[in-house]
Amino acid sequence: MGGGLIKYLGSNLDLGAQIRAHHFTRVNWENLHIRSIFCKTAVSCFLLAKVRGEAEKVGEPAFLESNINFCSNFYLMEEREKTIQEILVKIKEAKEMDDWSHVNSKLLEKRLGWYEENKSNLNLQGKDARKAYTLLIKYSGIDPREVPVVYEDERKIIWRSYNWCPVLEACKRAGFDTREVCKKGWEKSVQALIEKINPKLRFSRNYERIRPYTEYCEEIIELSD
């Protein structure tokens, strides 16, 4: 099966392009989890076709439409659940020890490592606050339509986040307060990342407008004096 799969995919390179174009157009392609989901989706589409005796149809639009959403959504849910469980462990440990330094250090390492690997290809535009906002979107790999800007001037940008968030889901599941968790564990690393644009930029959240207590999380980047 393995040799046949490799041979088939090798002779049908456009299959990968079709799957990516169909279902992976608004995600961060540099994200290794996304690549993993994409690869699993491509392989699953092939295997479904083999089981059904429809291998010759695997690249057809009708086959893609009926199978890609099912396969990719399954693996996406799998990856999301894994992420939620990992975050739950981190939050519980931090709360039990009353020490968030490990959470912060790991996120700092992850975000800054990503920046160093990708900084030459970011192509950020606009004022520094806008650049920092775009940087966060590129890092997260989320659809900009899920984080609409509600205010912007020369020095400040405010947006509202409606996107799926593993920290939010973990907190809802375990009954943790996002106002505490996000402040103590998920703010310093964001601040450190946007300082790569300008050390005078400041990131903050409006903790009176944060999920699940409102329908969105209001977040701000501002250039300090």
Protein backbone atom coordinates (compact mmCIF):
# COMPACT_ATOMS: atom_id res chain seq x y z
CA MET A 1 0.00 0.00 0.00
CA GLY A 2 2.81 2.44 0.93
CA GLY A 3 4.67 1.99 -2.36
CA GLY A 4 1.47 2.26 -4.37
CA LEU A 5 0.45 5.41 -2.52
CA ILE A 6 3.81 7.08 -3.13
CA LYS A 7 3.71 6.07 -6.79
CA TYR A 8 0.16 7.35 -7.21
CA LEU A 9 0.81 10.70 -5.54
CA GLY A 10 4.06 11.05 -7.46
CA SER A 11 2.19 10.71 -10.75
CA ASN A 12 -0.66 13.00 -9.65
CA LEU A 13 1.09 16.03 -8.23
CA ASP A 14 -1.86 18.25 -9.13
CA LEU A 15 -3.97 16.43 -6.52
CA GLY A 16 -2.07 18.15 -3.73
CA ALA A 17 -2.48 21.52 -5.43
CA GLN A 18 -6.22 20.96 -5.83
CA ILE A 19 -6.71 19.95 -2.21
CA ARG A 20 -4.65 22.89 -0.97
CA ALA A 21 -6.53 25.35 -3.20
CA HIS A 22 -9.89 23.89 -2.17
CA HIS A 23 -9.54 23.90 1.59
CA PHE A 24 -6.26 25.47 2.72
CA THR A 25 -6.30 28.93 1.15
CA ARG A 26 -6.74 31.06 4.28
CA VAL A 27 -4.38 29.36 6.70
CA ASN A 28 -0.75 29.78 7.62
CA TRP A 29 0.99 27.34 5.31
CA GLU A 30 4.21 27.65 7.36
CA ASN A 31 2.39 26.15 10.34
CA LEU A 32 3.55 22.55 10.69
CA HIS A 33 0.18 21.45 12.11
CA ILE A 34 -1.54 22.78 8.98
CA ARG A 35 0.90 20.91 6.77
CA SER A 36 0.27 17.75 8.76
CA ILE A 37 -3.50 18.11 8.34
CA PHE A 38 -3.04 18.76 4.62
CA CYS A 39 -0.90 15.66 4.14
CA LYS A 40 -3.30 13.47 6.11
CA THR A 41 -6.20 14.87 4.07
CA ALA A 42 -4.48 14.11 0.77
CA VAL A 43 -3.65 10.57 1.84
CA SER A 44 -7.16 9.97 3.23
CA CYS A 45 -8.77 11.14 -0.01
CA PHE A 46 -6.63 8.65 -1.89
CA LEU A 47 -7.43 5.80 0.50
CA LEU A 48 -11.16 6.55 0.37
CA ALA A 49 -11.00 6.37 -3.39
CA LYS A 50 -9.12 3.06 -3.28
CA VAL A 51 -11.62 1.51 -0.87
CA ARG A 52 -14.49 2.61 -3.08
CA GLY A 53 -12.76 1.50 -6.26
CA GLU A 54 -12.75 5.10 -7.49
CA ALA A 55 -9.04 5.86 -7.67
CA GLU A 56 -9.46 7.39 -11.10
CA LYS A 57 -11.92 9.92 -9.63
CA VAL A 58 -9.73 11.21 -6.80
CA GLY A 59 -8.77 14.38 -8.67
CA GLU A 60 -12.25 15.20 -9.93
CA PRO A 61 -14.08 18.24 -8.46
CA ALA A 62 -17.06 16.17 -7.29
CA PHE A 63 -14.83 13.76 -5.39
CA LEU A 64 -12.86 16.59 -3.82
CA GLU A 65 -16.03 18.40 -2.78
CA SER A 66 -17.52 15.36 -1.09
CA ASN A 67 -14.40 14.14 0.69
CA ILE A 68 -11.95 16.95 1.43
CA ASN A 69 -14.17 18.74 3.92
CA PHE A 70 -14.82 15.50 5.79
CA CYS A 71 -11.16 14.45 5.94
CA SER A 72 -9.63 17.82 6.71
CA ASN A 73 -12.26 18.69 9.32
CA PHE A 74 -11.65 15.38 11.05
CA TYR A 75 -7.92 15.94 11.27
CA LEU A 76 -8.39 19.59 12.20
CA MET A 77 -10.58 18.58 15.14
CA GLU A 78 -7.98 16.02 16.12
CA GLU A 79 -5.21 18.63 16.12
CA ARG A 80 -7.36 21.13 17.99
CA GLU A 81 -8.22 18.64 20.71
CA LYS A 82 -4.55 17.81 21.12
CA THR A 83 -3.73 21.50 21.49
CA ILE A 84 -6.50 22.06 24.05
CA GLN A 85 -5.27 19.16 26.16
CA GLU A 86 -1.69 20.45 26.09
CA ILE A 87 -2.82 23.91 27.15
CA LEU A 88 -4.99 22.50 29.95
CA VAL A 89 -1.94 20.77 31.41
CA LYS A 90 0.12 23.95 31.24
CA ILE A 91 -2.59 26.08 32.88
CA LYS A 92 -3.22 23.58 35.67
CA GLU A 93 0.48 23.33 36.47
CA ALA A 94 0.91 27.11 36.44
CA LYS A 95 -2.08 27.65 38.72
CA GLU A 96 -1.04 24.90 41.16
CA MET A 97 2.46 26.33 41.45
CA ASP A 98 1.32 29.94 41.17
CA ASP A 99 4.10 30.35 38.64
CA TRP A 100 3.52 31.23 35.00
CA SER A 101 7.18 31.61 34.07
CA HIS A 102 7.35 28.26 32.28
CA VAL A 103 4.27 29.07 30.16
CA ASN A 104 5.69 32.47 29.27
CA SER A 105 9.18 31.20 28.47
CA LYS A 106 7.91 28.46 26.15
CA LEU A 107 5.65 30.87 24.29
CA LEU A 108 8.47 33.40 24.03
CA GLU A 109 10.74 30.77 22.55
CA LYS A 110 8.07 29.66 20.10
CA ARG A 111 7.01 33.12 18.91
CA LEU A 112 10.49 34.61 18.64
CA GLY A 113 11.82 31.48 16.97
CA TRP A 114 9.06 31.73 14.37
CA TYR A 115 9.89 35.39 13.80
CA GLU A 116 13.57 34.71 13.18
CA GLU A 117 12.70 31.98 10.69
CA ASN A 118 10.15 34.07 8.78
CA LYS A 119 11.16 37.72 9.14
CA SER A 120 12.66 37.97 5.67
CA ASN A 121 9.35 36.97 4.04
CA LEU A 122 6.80 38.88 6.12
CA ASN A 123 6.38 41.91 3.82
CA LEU A 124 4.60 44.01 6.47
CA GLN A 125 2.98 47.27 5.31
CA GLY A 126 1.71 50.46 6.95
CA LYS A 127 2.43 52.20 10.25
CA ASP A 128 4.10 50.25 13.03
CA ALA A 129 0.85 49.44 14.84
CA ARG A 130 -0.63 48.04 11.62
CA LYS A 131 2.55 46.07 10.94
CA ALA A 132 2.39 44.54 14.41
CA TYR A 133 -1.27 43.59 13.96
CA THR A 134 -0.46 41.94 10.63
CA LEU A 135 2.50 40.17 12.23
CA LEU A 136 0.22 38.59 14.84
CA ILE A 137 -2.19 37.43 12.13
CA LYS A 138 0.63 35.88 10.11
CA TYR A 139 1.99 34.13 13.19
CA SER A 140 -1.42 32.77 14.19
CA GLY A 141 -2.40 31.80 10.65
CA ILE A 142 -5.98 32.99 11.15
CA ASP A 143 -8.36 34.54 8.65
CA PRO A 144 -8.19 38.37 8.92
CA ARG A 145 -11.97 38.44 8.63
CA GLU A 146 -12.12 36.79 12.06
CA VAL A 147 -10.15 39.65 13.65
CA PRO A 148 -11.69 42.83 12.21
CA VAL A 149 -10.13 46.18 12.99
CA VAL A 150 -12.61 48.55 14.67
CA TYR A 151 -10.32 51.55 15.13
CA GLU A 152 -7.02 52.69 13.64
CA ASP A 153 -4.96 55.85 13.55
CA GLU A 154 -1.28 56.74 13.15
CA ARG A 155 -0.29 55.26 16.51
CA LYS A 156 -3.00 52.83 17.55
CA ILE A 157 -5.01 49.89 16.28
CA ILE A 158 -7.91 48.08 17.96
CA TRP A 159 -9.43 44.84 16.75
CA ARG A 160 -11.94 42.25 17.92
CA SER A 161 -11.01 38.57 17.84
CA TYR A 162 -13.75 36.07 16.98
CA ASN A 163 -11.42 33.28 15.86
CA TRP A 164 -11.21 29.81 17.36
CA CYS A 165 -8.86 29.96 20.36
CA PRO A 166 -7.44 26.92 22.18
CA VAL A 167 -6.82 28.91 25.36
CA LEU A 168 -10.46 29.99 25.43
CA GLU A 169 -11.64 26.43 24.85
CA ALA A 170 -9.36 25.08 27.56
CA CYS A 171 -10.58 27.69 30.05
CA LYS A 172 -14.24 27.01 29.24
CA ARG A 173 -13.74 23.30 29.65
CA ALA A 174 -11.98 23.56 33.02
CA GLY A 175 -13.80 26.60 34.39
CA PHE A 176 -10.73 28.86 34.40
CA ASP A 177 -11.05 32.63 34.17
CA THR A 178 -9.64 33.88 30.86
CA ARG A 179 -9.07 37.29 32.43
CA GLU A 180 -6.47 35.70 34.69
CA VAL A 181 -5.07 33.07 32.32
CA CYS A 182 -4.59 35.33 29.30
CA LYS A 183 -3.09 38.13 31.39
CA LYS A 184 -0.59 35.93 33.23
CA GLY A 185 0.30 33.43 30.54
CA TRP A 186 -0.49 34.75 27.07
CA GLU A 187 0.47 38.41 27.05
CA LYS A 188 4.22 38.73 27.59
CA SER A 189 5.10 36.66 24.55
CA VAL A 190 2.83 38.76 22.32
CA GLN A 191 4.49 41.89 23.67
CA ALA A 192 7.93 40.48 22.94
CA LEU A 193 6.92 39.59 19.38
CA ILE A 194 5.56 43.00 18.43
CA GLU A 195 8.64 44.68 19.90
CA LYS A 196 10.47 43.21 16.93
CA ILE A 197 8.62 45.81 14.88
CA ASN A 198 9.23 48.65 17.32
CA PRO A 199 10.29 48.46 21.01
CA LYS A 200 7.88 51.28 21.79
CA LEU A 201 4.81 49.31 20.74
CA ARG A 202 2.55 48.12 23.56
CA PHE A 203 0.09 45.23 23.41
CA SER A 204 -2.93 45.02 25.70
CA ARG A 205 -6.36 43.47 26.00
CA ASN A 206 -9.55 45.07 27.19
CA TYR A 207 -10.37 42.64 29.97
CA GLU A 208 -13.87 44.00 30.20
CA ARG A 209 -14.38 42.74 26.64
CA ILE A 210 -12.97 39.24 26.55
CA ARG A 211 -14.51 35.88 25.78
CA PRO A 212 -16.45 34.03 27.07
CA TYR A 213 -17.91 37.06 28.90
CA THR A 214 -18.47 38.85 25.58
CA GLU A 215 -18.66 37.49 22.04
CA TYR A 216 -15.18 38.73 21.14
CA CYS A 217 -11.81 39.63 22.65
CA GLU A 218 -10.86 43.27 22.19
CA GLU A 219 -7.13 43.73 21.69
CA ILE A 220 -5.00 46.82 21.23
CA ILE A 221 -1.58 47.77 19.95
CA GLU A 222 -0.41 51.30 20.60
CA LEU A 223 2.81 53.23 20.07
CA SER A 224 3.96 54.69 23.38
CA ASP A 225 5.80 57.99 23.76
